[in-house]
Amino acid sequence: MQKKIRVLVVDDSALIRHLLTDIINRYPDLEVVGAASDPLIAREMIRTLNPDVLTLDVEMPKMDGLEFLERLMRLRPMPVVMISTLTARGSEVTLRALELGAVDFISKPRVDVQHGLAEYANLIAEKIRTAAVARIKRQPAAPLQQPRALPSSGIRSGSTAEKLIVIGASTGGVEAIRHILMQLPASSPAILITQHMPEGFTHSFANRLDGLCQISVKEARHGEQILPGCAYIAPGGANHMLLRTSASRYFIDLQPSEPVNRHRPSVDVLFRSVAASKLGKCTLGVILTGMGKDGALGMREMHDAGVYTLAQDEASCVVYGMPKEAVTAGGVDEVLPLEDMAQRIVSLVNAR
């Protein structure tokens, strides 16, 4: 008999605790072993119940979710899925939680919470399952040292207008993308990024990166020209992001078609548009940490079209799903740890 994933729900709302408990317990492989109304109670329940995964609200009495998460990941690291409200502040706090070590997050509807969470039932179960197999690292007591940008001289002088980098990621990708982009010099080629995120969070994600990086980072807009020195994040929720070429210039297309691999935006859709553009050696493809297979077949198509492709290695992934599937599909030229990815991208841009 399959062992159930044991979940502890932490939320100051009795309604949310009840709803999440009811939703999670519907699945035969999941089991809520306890529910806590604040982090102090949760701390004791973690000791006595030893859960596999924690769902954690952000705003709670006695100790907010971020402070509790920071202490937890330093002293007793475990998989955590944040419960976040769909607001600008909620998205910013959620991004901070991911920096502190949370595996993923669930969006809490602002209105009609009962029906809203019920509609998310399968997504909630999926995120808990993913968290249960995630690679969790103990956070150091001292603040993490931010990766330093590579020198501008790292990119050879001359136009990079014809070159392009495309990146796909899912679970754990928010931090992996941040780690890479913060090291790239302002002279980098344009970058297109599809990261699985819901609507309302990619704008905050792009703004946060823009304040940290030498390159410009923005949420992509339909029809805008793609320019060197700028990274474009696919908007979450409503559209796929594709590359469109016209008269040696690159543009962004946002298309509201059906989800692919259960995702919208989908990494496969972006990668396949790049393969179809026949840019070949002008392009680098990168696939990072994430659950599932989205991007694997698209990366194979890019590889077959002459694009050089990189995948994050298992040891540095939070979840070694998407990179593994891409390797298995035969679409990866090189497998690298996250720490080496930015430097390798720069060297390949120069070489190609």
Protein backbone atom coordinates (compact mmCIF):
# COMPACT_ATOMS: atom_id res chain seq x y z
CA MET A 1 0.00 0.00 0.00
CA GLN A 2 1.34 3.43 -1.00
CA LYS A 3 2.41 5.62 1.89
CA LYS A 4 0.35 8.78 2.14
CA ILE A 5 1.92 12.23 2.03
CA ARG A 6 1.34 13.73 5.47
CA VAL A 7 0.34 17.41 5.41
CA LEU A 8 0.16 20.04 8.14
CA VAL A 9 -2.09 23.02 7.34
CA VAL A 10 -1.13 26.35 8.94
CA ASP A 11 -3.60 29.22 8.56
CA ASP A 12 -5.24 31.63 10.99
CA SER A 13 -8.60 31.31 9.20
CA ALA A 14 -10.72 28.46 10.51
CA LEU A 15 -12.58 28.42 7.20
CA ILE A 16 -9.37 28.01 5.18
CA ARG A 17 -8.12 25.28 7.52
CA HIS A 18 -11.41 23.42 7.10
CA LEU A 19 -11.50 23.86 3.32
CA LEU A 20 -7.91 22.79 2.77
CA THR A 21 -8.31 19.80 5.08
CA ASP A 22 -11.42 18.68 3.21
CA ILE A 23 -9.80 19.15 -0.21
CA ILE A 24 -6.54 17.40 0.65
CA ASN A 25 -8.20 14.44 2.35
CA ARG A 26 -10.20 13.68 -0.81
CA TYR A 27 -7.07 12.32 -2.46
CA PRO A 28 -6.08 8.76 -1.51
CA ASP A 29 -2.36 9.58 -1.47
CA LEU A 30 -2.70 12.68 0.73
CA GLU A 31 -3.59 13.07 4.39
CA VAL A 32 -3.91 16.11 6.66
CA VAL A 33 -2.37 15.10 9.98
CA GLY A 34 -3.01 18.43 11.70
CA ALA A 35 -4.12 22.04 11.33
CA ALA A 36 -2.62 24.98 13.23
CA SER A 37 -3.98 28.50 13.64
CA ASP A 38 -0.60 30.18 14.15
CA PRO A 39 3.12 29.41 13.77
CA LEU A 40 3.69 28.78 17.49
CA ILE A 41 1.13 25.98 17.49
CA ALA A 42 2.54 24.77 14.17
CA ARG A 43 6.03 24.55 15.65
CA GLU A 44 4.85 22.10 18.30
CA MET A 45 2.78 20.10 15.81
CA ILE A 46 5.78 19.73 13.50
CA ARG A 47 7.72 18.20 16.38
CA THR A 48 5.01 15.75 17.36
CA LEU A 49 3.47 14.90 13.96
CA ASN A 50 6.54 15.05 11.68
CA PRO A 51 4.61 16.01 8.52
CA ASP A 52 6.02 15.60 5.01
CA VAL A 53 4.70 18.93 3.69
CA LEU A 54 3.52 22.18 5.25
CA THR A 55 0.98 24.58 3.75
CA LEU A 56 1.63 28.01 5.23
CA ASP A 57 -0.38 31.23 5.19
CA VAL A 58 1.54 34.48 4.79
CA GLU A 59 -0.28 36.83 7.17
CA MET A 60 -0.91 35.35 10.62
CA PRO A 61 -0.96 36.49 14.27
CA LYS A 62 1.94 36.12 16.74
CA MET A 63 4.48 35.53 13.95
CA ASP A 64 3.98 36.18 10.23
CA GLY A 65 4.50 33.44 7.70
CA LEU A 66 7.79 34.81 6.36
CA GLU A 67 9.42 35.02 9.78
CA PHE A 68 8.27 31.51 10.62
CA LEU A 69 9.44 30.20 7.23
CA GLU A 70 12.87 31.76 7.67
CA ARG A 71 13.31 30.12 11.07
CA LEU A 72 11.92 26.81 9.85
CA MET A 73 14.26 26.57 6.84
CA ARG A 74 17.23 27.38 9.01
CA LEU A 75 16.46 25.00 11.88
CA ARG A 76 14.25 22.22 10.48
CA PRO A 77 14.06 22.49 6.68
CA MET A 78 11.05 20.82 5.10
CA PRO A 79 8.87 21.25 1.98
CA VAL A 80 6.57 24.28 2.31
CA VAL A 81 3.78 25.43 -0.01
CA MET A 82 2.75 29.03 0.69
CA ILE A 83 -0.89 30.17 0.70
CA SER A 84 -0.88 33.64 -0.88
CA THR A 85 -3.60 36.17 -1.66
CA LEU A 86 -3.88 37.41 -5.25
CA THR A 87 -2.77 40.99 -4.54
CA ALA A 88 0.30 43.03 -5.44
CA ARG A 89 1.57 42.79 -1.88
CA GLY A 90 0.70 39.11 -1.77
CA SER A 91 2.76 38.39 -4.87
CA GLU A 92 5.78 40.33 -3.56
CA VAL A 93 5.64 38.49 -0.23
CA THR A 94 5.31 35.18 -2.07
CA LEU A 95 8.45 35.88 -4.10
CA ARG A 96 10.28 36.59 -0.86
CA ALA A 97 9.00 33.27 0.53
CA LEU A 98 10.44 31.45 -2.49
CA GLU A 99 13.79 33.14 -1.83
CA LEU A 100 13.64 31.84 1.73
CA GLY A 101 13.14 28.26 0.57
CA ALA A 102 9.42 27.65 -0.01
CA VAL A 103 8.91 25.14 -2.81
CA ASP A 104 5.79 26.66 -4.36
CA PHE A 105 2.63 28.63 -3.62
CA ILE A 106 -1.14 28.40 -3.93
CA SER A 107 -3.16 31.49 -4.79
CA LYS A 108 -5.97 32.20 -2.33
CA PRO A 109 -8.96 33.89 -4.04
CA ARG A 110 -9.90 37.31 -2.67
CA VAL A 111 -13.63 36.65 -2.98
CA ASP A 112 -15.76 33.52 -2.62
CA VAL A 113 -12.89 31.63 -1.05
CA GLN A 114 -14.89 28.44 -0.57
CA HIS A 115 -15.72 27.95 -4.26
CA GLY A 116 -12.38 29.39 -5.39
CA LEU A 117 -10.30 26.90 -3.43
CA ALA A 118 -12.57 24.03 -4.49
CA GLU A 119 -11.83 24.87 -8.14
CA TYR A 120 -8.11 24.69 -7.33
CA ALA A 121 -8.39 21.23 -5.72
CA ASN A 122 -6.37 19.31 -8.31
CA LEU A 123 -3.75 22.07 -8.43
CA ILE A 124 -3.43 22.05 -4.65
CA ALA A 125 -2.95 18.28 -4.64
CA GLU A 126 -0.39 18.51 -7.45
CA LYS A 127 1.65 21.17 -5.67
CA ILE A 128 1.69 19.16 -2.44
CA ARG A 129 2.86 16.05 -4.32
CA THR A 130 5.59 18.08 -6.03
CA ALA A 131 6.71 19.60 -2.74
CA ALA A 132 6.95 16.14 -1.17
CA VAL A 133 9.66 15.10 -3.67
CA ALA A 134 11.46 18.45 -3.81
CA ARG A 135 15.10 18.78 -2.81
CA ILE A 136 15.15 21.02 0.28
CA LYS A 137 18.32 22.75 1.44
CA ARG A 138 19.01 24.17 4.87
CA GLN A 139 19.21 27.95 4.74
CA PRO A 140 22.29 29.55 6.34
CA ALA A 141 21.93 31.72 9.44
CA ALA A 142 23.66 34.62 7.67
CA PRO A 143 21.90 36.31 4.74
CA LEU A 144 22.55 34.61 1.41
CA GLN A 145 25.20 36.34 -0.69
CA GLN A 146 23.64 37.52 -3.92
CA PRO A 147 25.31 36.27 -7.11
CA ARG A 148 27.53 38.93 -8.64
CA ALA A 149 27.10 40.09 -12.20
CA LEU A 150 29.73 38.91 -14.64
CA PRO A 151 31.82 41.79 -16.05
CA SER A 152 30.43 43.60 -19.08
CA SER A 153 33.57 42.57 -20.92
CA GLY A 154 32.27 39.00 -20.63
CA ILE A 155 30.20 39.63 -23.76
CA ARG A 156 32.40 40.52 -26.71
CA SER A 157 31.91 43.94 -28.20
CA GLY A 158 29.69 44.10 -31.27
CA SER A 159 26.01 43.65 -31.96
CA THR A 160 24.06 40.98 -30.12
CA ALA A 161 20.83 42.02 -31.84
CA GLU A 162 20.58 38.80 -33.84
CA LYS A 163 21.20 36.53 -30.84
CA LEU A 164 18.56 35.19 -28.48
CA ILE A 165 18.37 33.18 -25.25
CA VAL A 166 15.20 31.27 -24.34
CA ILE A 167 14.58 29.83 -20.87
CA GLY A 168 11.86 27.53 -19.51
CA ALA A 169 11.24 26.60 -15.87
CA SER A 170 8.63 25.56 -13.33
CA THR A 171 8.91 24.55 -9.65
CA GLY A 172 12.07 26.11 -8.21
CA GLY A 173 12.52 28.18 -11.34
CA VAL A 174 11.84 31.56 -9.77
CA GLU A 175 15.07 31.36 -7.80
CA ALA A 176 17.01 29.62 -10.56
CA ILE A 177 16.08 32.36 -13.03
CA ARG A 178 17.02 35.06 -10.53
CA HIS A 179 20.39 33.39 -9.96
CA ILE A 180 21.17 33.36 -13.68
CA LEU A 181 19.85 36.79 -14.67
CA MET A 182 21.63 38.59 -11.83
CA GLN A 183 24.96 37.42 -13.26
CA LEU A 184 24.36 38.45 -16.86
CA PRO A 185 25.91 41.75 -18.02
CA ALA A 186 23.86 44.55 -19.53
CA SER A 187 25.33 43.71 -22.95
CA SER A 188 23.59 40.31 -23.02
CA PRO A 189 21.37 39.25 -25.92
CA ALA A 190 17.60 39.39 -25.50
CA ILE A 191 16.08 36.69 -23.28
CA LEU A 192 12.59 35.15 -23.46
CA ILE A 193 11.42 33.34 -20.32
CA THR A 194 8.44 31.11 -19.68
CA GLN A 195 8.08 30.32 -15.97
CA HIS A 196 4.93 28.55 -14.78
CA MET A 197 3.18 31.19 -12.67
CA PRO A 198 -0.46 32.27 -12.31
CA GLU A 199 -1.83 35.57 -13.51
CA GLY A 200 -0.93 38.46 -11.22
CA PHE A 201 2.46 37.17 -10.12
CA THR A 202 4.64 37.51 -13.23
CA HIS A 203 4.40 41.32 -13.16
CA SER A 204 5.80 41.42 -9.60
CA PHE A 205 8.39 38.80 -10.55
CA ALA A 206 9.61 40.88 -13.47
CA ASN A 207 9.71 44.08 -11.42
CA ARG A 208 11.65 42.36 -8.66
CA LEU A 209 14.23 41.05 -11.12
CA ASP A 210 14.48 44.40 -12.87
CA GLY A 211 15.61 45.98 -9.60
CA LEU A 212 18.27 43.31 -9.06
CA CYS A 213 19.78 42.82 -12.52
CA GLN A 214 22.03 44.78 -14.87
CA ILE A 215 19.80 43.77 -17.77
CA SER A 216 16.26 45.16 -18.00
CA VAL A 217 13.50 42.73 -17.03
CA LYS A 218 9.83 43.21 -17.86
CA GLU A 219 6.58 41.33 -18.27
CA ALA A 220 6.14 40.70 -21.99
CA ARG A 221 3.52 42.58 -24.02
CA HIS A 222 1.92 41.42 -27.24
CA GLY A 223 3.55 42.81 -30.37
CA GLU A 224 6.53 44.50 -28.74
CA GLN A 225 9.93 44.27 -30.36
CA ILE A 226 12.50 42.09 -28.60
CA LEU A 227 15.69 44.04 -27.88
CA PRO A 228 19.18 43.13 -26.62
CA GLY A 229 19.89 43.66 -22.95
CA CYS A 230 16.31 42.90 -21.96
CA ALA A 231 14.58 39.81 -20.54
CA TYR A 232 10.86 39.27 -21.18
CA ILE A 233 8.76 37.18 -18.75
CA ALA A 234 5.70 35.46 -20.23
CA PRO A 235 2.58 36.81 -18.47
CA GLY A 236 0.94 34.20 -16.27
CA GLY A 237 -2.46 32.73 -16.84
CA ALA A 238 -4.18 33.84 -20.03
CA ASN A 239 -1.71 33.45 -22.92
CA HIS A 240 1.18 31.52 -24.38
CA MET A 241 4.27 33.48 -25.42
CA LEU A 242 5.77 32.88 -28.86
CA LEU A 243 8.62 34.32 -30.89
CA ARG A 244 7.74 36.01 -34.18
CA THR A 245 10.35 37.18 -36.67
CA SER A 246 9.91 39.84 -39.34
CA ALA A 247 12.56 41.48 -41.53
CA SER A 248 15.41 40.30 -39.26
CA ARG A 249 13.66 41.70 -36.19
CA TYR A 250 12.13 39.75 -33.32
CA PHE A 251 8.71 40.33 -31.78
CA ILE A 252 6.56 38.83 -29.02
CA ASP A 253 3.27 37.14 -29.78
CA LEU A 254 0.84 36.39 -26.94
CA GLN A 255 -1.80 33.85 -27.94
CA PRO A 256 -4.84 32.82 -25.84
CA SER A 257 -4.96 29.21 -27.05
CA GLU A 258 -5.65 26.14 -24.91
CA PRO A 259 -3.18 25.03 -22.21
CA VAL A 260 -0.35 22.76 -23.37
CA ASN A 261 0.91 20.10 -20.95
CA ARG A 262 -1.73 21.58 -18.60
CA HIS A 263 0.15 24.91 -18.59
CA ARG A 264 -0.48 28.35 -20.00
CA PRO A 265 2.02 29.80 -20.65
CA SER A 266 3.77 26.63 -21.80
CA VAL A 267 7.51 26.19 -22.27
CA ASP A 268 6.89 23.85 -25.22
CA VAL A 269 4.94 26.55 -27.06
CA LEU A 270 7.79 29.05 -26.69
CA PHE A 271 10.50 26.54 -27.63
CA ARG A 272 8.59 25.28 -30.67
CA SER A 273 8.12 28.84 -31.95
CA VAL A 274 11.87 29.34 -31.69
CA ALA A 275 12.54 26.07 -33.54
CA ALA A 276 10.11 27.11 -36.28
CA SER A 277 11.86 30.48 -36.66
CA LYS A 278 14.97 28.65 -37.90
CA LEU A 279 17.38 30.94 -36.07
CA GLY A 280 19.69 28.00 -35.39
CA LYS A 281 23.05 28.98 -34.00
CA CYS A 282 21.87 32.50 -33.14
CA THR A 283 19.88 31.01 -30.25
CA LEU A 284 20.59 29.29 -26.91
CA GLY A 285 17.93 27.19 -25.18
CA VAL A 286 17.92 26.59 -21.42
CA ILE A 287 15.62 24.34 -19.38
CA LEU A 288 15.64 24.62 -15.60
CA THR A 289 14.15 22.93 -12.54
CA GLY A 290 10.51 21.92 -12.64
CA MET A 291 8.01 19.08 -12.33
CA GLY A 292 6.62 17.39 -15.42
CA LYS A 293 7.67 17.30 -19.06
CA ASP A 294 6.74 20.74 -20.39
CA GLY A 295 9.54 21.94 -22.67
CA ALA A 296 11.11 18.54 -23.36
CA LEU A 297 9.75 18.05 -26.88
CA GLY A 298 10.14 21.73 -27.71
CA MET A 299 13.78 21.58 -26.67
CA ARG A 300 14.28 18.55 -28.91
CA GLU A 301 12.80 20.52 -31.81
CA MET A 302 15.12 23.47 -31.09
CA HIS A 303 18.10 21.11 -30.84
CA ASP A 304 17.23 19.52 -34.19
CA ALA A 305 16.94 23.03 -35.68
CA GLY A 306 20.52 23.86 -34.70
CA VAL A 307 19.92 25.61 -31.36
CA TYR A 308 22.50 24.78 -28.68
CA THR A 309 20.70 23.58 -25.57
CA LEU A 310 21.52 23.50 -21.85
CA ALA A 311 19.77 21.73 -18.96
CA GLN A 312 20.14 22.19 -15.21
CA ASP A 313 21.64 19.15 -13.48
CA GLU A 314 19.80 16.99 -10.96
CA ALA A 315 21.86 17.99 -7.93
CA SER A 316 21.04 21.70 -8.24
CA CYS A 317 17.35 21.28 -9.20
CA VAL A 318 14.57 21.67 -6.66
CA VAL A 319 12.65 19.15 -8.81
CA TYR A 320 14.51 17.23 -11.52
CA GLY A 321 11.54 16.70 -13.81
CA MET A 322 11.60 18.97 -16.84
CA PRO A 323 15.40 18.81 -17.37
CA LYS A 324 15.33 15.02 -17.00
CA GLU A 325 12.55 14.70 -19.59
CA ALA A 326 14.46 16.97 -21.98
CA VAL A 327 17.61 14.85 -21.61
CA THR A 328 15.60 11.65 -22.13
CA ALA A 329 14.02 13.13 -25.27
CA GLY A 330 17.49 13.69 -26.72
CA GLY A 331 17.24 17.46 -26.93
CA VAL A 332 20.05 18.53 -24.57
CA ASP A 333 23.61 19.28 -25.63
CA GLU A 334 24.99 19.97 -22.16
CA VAL A 335 23.96 19.41 -18.52
CA LEU A 336 25.28 21.92 -15.97
CA PRO A 337 24.85 22.87 -12.30
CA LEU A 338 22.98 26.11 -11.76
CA GLU A 339 26.14 27.77 -10.41
CA ASP A 340 27.86 27.41 -13.80
CA MET A 341 24.93 28.27 -16.05
CA ALA A 342 25.40 32.04 -16.44
CA GLN A 343 29.12 31.78 -17.21
CA ARG A 344 28.45 29.05 -19.76
CA ILE A 345 25.73 31.15 -21.41
CA VAL A 346 28.17 34.05 -21.78
CA SER A 347 30.88 31.82 -23.27
CA LEU A 348 28.44 30.29 -25.73
CA VAL A 349 27.10 33.71 -26.79
CA ASN A 350 30.68 34.71 -27.59
CA ALA A 351 31.48 31.46 -29.39
CA ARG A 352 28.31 31.41 -31.52
